[in-house]
C-alpha atoms as a PDB file:
ATOM      1  CA  GLN A   1     -13.653  -8.951   5.724  1.00  0.00           C
ATOM      2  CA  VAL A   2     -13.096  -9.915   9.335  1.00  0.00           C
ATOM      3  CA  GLN A   3     -10.237  -8.609  11.454  1.00  0.00           C
ATOM      4  CA  LEU A   4      -8.846 -10.507  14.421  1.00  0.00           C
ATOM      5  CA  VAL A   5      -6.399  -9.121  16.962  1.00  0.00           C
ATOM      6  CA  GLU A   6      -4.992 -11.382  19.666  1.00  0.00           C
ATOM      7  CA  SER A   7      -3.465 -10.376  22.967  1.00  0.00           C
ATOM      8  CA  GLY A   8      -2.528 -11.896  26.305  1.00  0.00           C
ATOM      9  CA  GLY A   9       0.410 -14.093  25.444  1.00  0.00           C
ATOM     10  CA  GLY A  10       3.604 -14.105  27.444  1.00  0.00           C
ATOM     11  CA  LEU A  11       6.007 -16.095  29.573  1.00  0.00           C
ATOM     12  CA  VAL A  12       4.690 -18.139  32.478  1.00  0.00           C
ATOM     13  CA  GLN A  13       6.019 -20.902  34.688  1.00  0.00           C
ATOM     14  CA  ALA A  14       4.654 -24.404  34.465  1.00  0.00           C
ATOM     15  CA  GLY A  15       1.449 -24.685  36.463  1.00  0.00           C
ATOM     16  CA  GLY A  16       0.572 -21.068  35.844  1.00  0.00           C
ATOM     17  CA  SER A  17      -2.283 -19.469  33.946  1.00  0.00           C
ATOM     18  CA  LEU A  18      -2.766 -17.103  31.037  1.00  0.00           C
ATOM     19  CA  ARG A  19      -5.805 -15.627  29.374  1.00  0.00           C
ATOM     20  CA  LEU A  20      -5.737 -14.961  25.652  1.00  0.00           C
ATOM     21  CA  SER A  21      -8.184 -12.561  24.049  1.00  0.00           C
ATOM     22  CA  CYS A  22      -9.174 -12.075  20.419  1.00  0.00           C
ATOM     23  CA  VAL A  23     -11.019  -8.931  19.403  1.00  0.00           C
ATOM     24  CA  VAL A  24     -13.260  -9.541  16.397  1.00  0.00           C
ATOM     25  CA  SER A  25     -14.388  -6.813  14.019  1.00  0.00           C
ATOM     26  CA  GLY A  26     -15.701  -6.423  10.492  1.00  0.00           C
ATOM     27  CA  SER A  27     -18.347  -8.321   8.580  1.00  0.00           C
ATOM     28  CA  ILE A  28     -19.419 -11.006  11.054  1.00  0.00           C
ATOM     29  CA  SER A  29     -22.032 -13.513   9.942  1.00  0.00           C
ATOM     30  CA  SER A  30     -24.599 -15.136  12.203  1.00  0.00           C
ATOM     31  CA  MET A  31     -23.215 -18.627  11.616  1.00  0.00           C
ATOM     32  CA  TYR A  32     -19.555 -19.055  12.487  1.00  0.00           C
ATOM     33  CA  ILE A  33     -16.962 -21.094  14.306  1.00  0.00           C
ATOM     34  CA  MET A  34     -14.345 -19.272  16.356  1.00  0.00           C
ATOM     35  CA  GLY A  35     -11.243 -21.180  17.206  1.00  0.00           C
ATOM     36  CA  TRP A  36      -7.880 -20.975  18.881  1.00  0.00           C
ATOM     37  CA  TYR A  37      -5.075 -22.816  17.129  1.00  0.00           C
ATOM     38  CA  ARG A  38      -1.428 -23.158  18.049  1.00  0.00           C
ATOM     39  CA  GLN A  39       1.780 -23.915  16.240  1.00  0.00           C
ATOM     40  CA  ALA A  40       5.037 -24.909  17.861  1.00  0.00           C
ATOM     41  CA  PRO A  41       8.353 -24.859  15.952  1.00  0.00           C
ATOM     42  CA  GLY A  42       8.625 -27.883  13.709  1.00  0.00           C
ATOM     43  CA  TYR A  43       4.971 -28.843  14.177  1.00  0.00           C
ATOM     44  CA  GLU A  44       1.836 -28.292  12.174  1.00  0.00           C
ATOM     45  CA  ARG A  45      -0.796 -25.841  13.320  1.00  0.00           C
ATOM     46  CA  GLU A  46      -3.360 -27.632  15.485  1.00  0.00           C
ATOM     47  CA  LEU A  47      -6.786 -26.818  16.820  1.00  0.00           C
ATOM     48  CA  VAL A  48      -6.814 -26.109  20.544  1.00  0.00           C
ATOM     49  CA  ALA A  49     -10.435 -25.110  21.136  1.00  0.00           C
ATOM     50  CA  SER A  50     -13.433 -23.849  19.198  1.00  0.00           C
ATOM     51  CA  ILE A  51     -16.851 -22.380  19.852  1.00  0.00           C
ATOM     52  CA  THR A  52     -19.793 -22.058  17.482  1.00  0.00           C
ATOM     53  CA  ASN A  53     -22.383 -19.332  17.170  1.00  0.00           C
ATOM     54  CA  GLY A  54     -24.686 -21.654  19.104  1.00  0.00           C
ATOM     55  CA  GLY A  55     -22.231 -21.930  21.970  1.00  0.00           C
ATOM     56  CA  SER A  56     -21.024 -25.479  21.343  1.00  0.00           C
ATOM     57  CA  THR A  57     -17.410 -25.977  22.317  1.00  0.00           C
ATOM     58  CA  ASN A  58     -14.740 -28.436  21.283  1.00  0.00           C
ATOM     59  CA  TYR A  59     -11.305 -29.045  22.786  1.00  0.00           C
ATOM     60  CA  ALA A  60      -8.173 -30.925  21.851  1.00  0.00           C
ATOM     61  CA  ASP A  61      -7.641 -33.893  24.157  1.00  0.00           C
ATOM     62  CA  SER A  62      -4.360 -32.400  25.341  1.00  0.00           C
ATOM     63  CA  VAL A  63      -6.074 -29.332  26.837  1.00  0.00           C
ATOM     64  CA  LYS A  64      -9.386 -30.732  28.090  1.00  0.00           C
ATOM     65  CA  GLY A  65      -9.973 -29.780  31.693  1.00  0.00           C
ATOM     66  CA  ARG A  66      -7.270 -27.102  31.573  1.00  0.00           C
ATOM     67  CA  PHE A  67      -8.383 -24.624  28.874  1.00  0.00           C
ATOM     68  CA  THR A  68     -11.725 -22.888  28.476  1.00  0.00           C
ATOM     69  CA  ILE A  69     -12.932 -20.998  25.421  1.00  0.00           C
ATOM     70  CA  SER A  70     -15.605 -18.346  25.806  1.00  0.00           C
ATOM     71  CA  ARG A  71     -17.049 -15.381  23.968  1.00  0.00           C
ATOM     72  CA  ASP A  72     -19.182 -12.397  24.755  1.00  0.00           C
ATOM     73  CA  GLY A  73     -22.759 -12.489  23.519  1.00  0.00           C
ATOM     74  CA  ALA A  74     -22.134 -10.127  20.614  1.00  0.00           C
ATOM     75  CA  LEU A  75     -18.941 -11.872  19.482  1.00  0.00           C
ATOM     76  CA  LYS A  76     -16.762  -8.859  19.989  1.00  0.00           C
ATOM     77  CA  THR A  77     -14.166 -10.800  21.966  1.00  0.00           C
ATOM     78  CA  VAL A  78     -13.262 -14.471  22.287  1.00  0.00           C
ATOM     79  CA  HIS A  79     -11.150 -15.660  25.192  1.00  0.00           C
ATOM     80  CA  LEU A  80      -9.017 -18.695  25.903  1.00  0.00           C
ATOM     81  CA  GLN A  81      -8.439 -19.221  29.612  1.00  0.00           C
ATOM     82  CA  MET A  82      -5.440 -21.477  30.065  1.00  0.00           C
ATOM     83  CA  THR A  83      -4.649 -23.043  33.432  1.00  0.00           C
ATOM     84  CA  SER A  84      -2.187 -25.672  34.660  1.00  0.00           C
ATOM     85  CA  LEU A  85       0.081 -24.747  31.784  1.00  0.00           C
ATOM     86  CA  LYS A  86       2.772 -27.172  30.703  1.00  0.00           C
ATOM     87  CA  PRO A  87       6.001 -26.616  28.762  1.00  0.00           C
ATOM     88  CA  GLU A  88       4.434 -28.503  25.848  1.00  0.00           C
ATOM     89  CA  ASP A  89       1.801 -25.763  25.595  1.00  0.00           C
ATOM     90  CA  THR A  90       4.532 -23.435  24.331  1.00  0.00           C
ATOM     91  CA  ALA A  91       3.566 -22.207  20.866  1.00  0.00           C
ATOM     92  CA  VAL A  92       2.272 -19.277  18.867  1.00  0.00           C
ATOM     93  CA  TYR A  93      -1.480 -19.134  19.417  1.00  0.00           C
ATOM     94  CA  TYR A  94      -3.725 -17.943  16.591  1.00  0.00           C
ATOM     95  CA  CYS A  95      -7.322 -16.823  16.636  1.00  0.00           C
ATOM     96  CA  ASN A  96      -9.452 -18.076  13.746  1.00  0.00           C
ATOM     97  CA  TYR A  97     -12.875 -17.113  12.428  1.00  0.00           C
ATOM     98  CA  LYS A  98     -14.682 -19.354   9.939  1.00  0.00           C
ATOM     99  CA  ARG A  99     -17.987 -18.679   8.239  1.00  0.00           C
ATOM    100  CA  ARG A 100     -19.970 -21.911   8.459  1.00  0.00           C
ATOM    101  CA  LEU A 101     -21.821 -21.437   5.174  1.00  0.00           C
ATOM    102  CA  THR A 102     -18.946 -20.393   2.910  1.00  0.00           C
ATOM    103  CA  GLN A 103     -16.014 -21.873   4.904  1.00  0.00           C
ATOM    104  CA  GLN A 104     -14.120 -18.576   4.520  1.00  0.00           C
ATOM    105  CA  ASN A 105     -11.258 -18.440   7.010  1.00  0.00           C
ATOM    106  CA  TYR A 106      -9.677 -15.471   8.733  1.00  0.00           C
ATOM    107  CA  TRP A 107      -6.620 -15.503  10.994  1.00  0.00           C
ATOM    108  CA  GLY A 108      -5.141 -13.215  13.572  1.00  0.00           C
ATOM    109  CA  GLN A 109      -1.448 -12.379  13.674  1.00  0.00           C
ATOM    110  CA  GLY A 110      -0.705 -14.766  16.544  1.00  0.00           C
ATOM    111  CA  THR A 111       0.522 -14.328  20.091  1.00  0.00           C
ATOM    112  CA  GLN A 112       3.444 -16.169  21.674  1.00  0.00           C
ATOM    113  CA  VAL A 113       2.886 -18.320  24.756  1.00  0.00           C
ATOM    114  CA  THR A 114       5.998 -19.668  26.464  1.00  0.00           C
ATOM    115  CA  VAL A 115       5.785 -22.000  29.452  1.00  0.00           C
ATOM    116  CA  SER A 116       9.013 -22.560  31.352  1.00  0.00           C
ATOM    117  CA  SER A 117       9.696 -25.710  33.340  1.00  0.00           C
END
């Protein structure tokens, strides 16, 4: 089992910044993909950013140049630095851990991000 606990959400004005954190614990494998997803009301959950055990990153087109995903070397915490926030970034943000070999998925409880115009 893997446990994920997110923090750092909140209310911010457009143009502002927030930093989300996801604390990872449990049975962590050496090959994984960590991701941040978001889901706005009435929309499907979408991938925002991901990072592999090798350090490769991937971003949704809508957040490229504004968001940065990072992790500490031991994968205890994964961060999502969000800058130049827009009202359309408003959503519940979820941390995800996926084992690359077995494709097992684990989710955090989510943290609300609200960007006011």
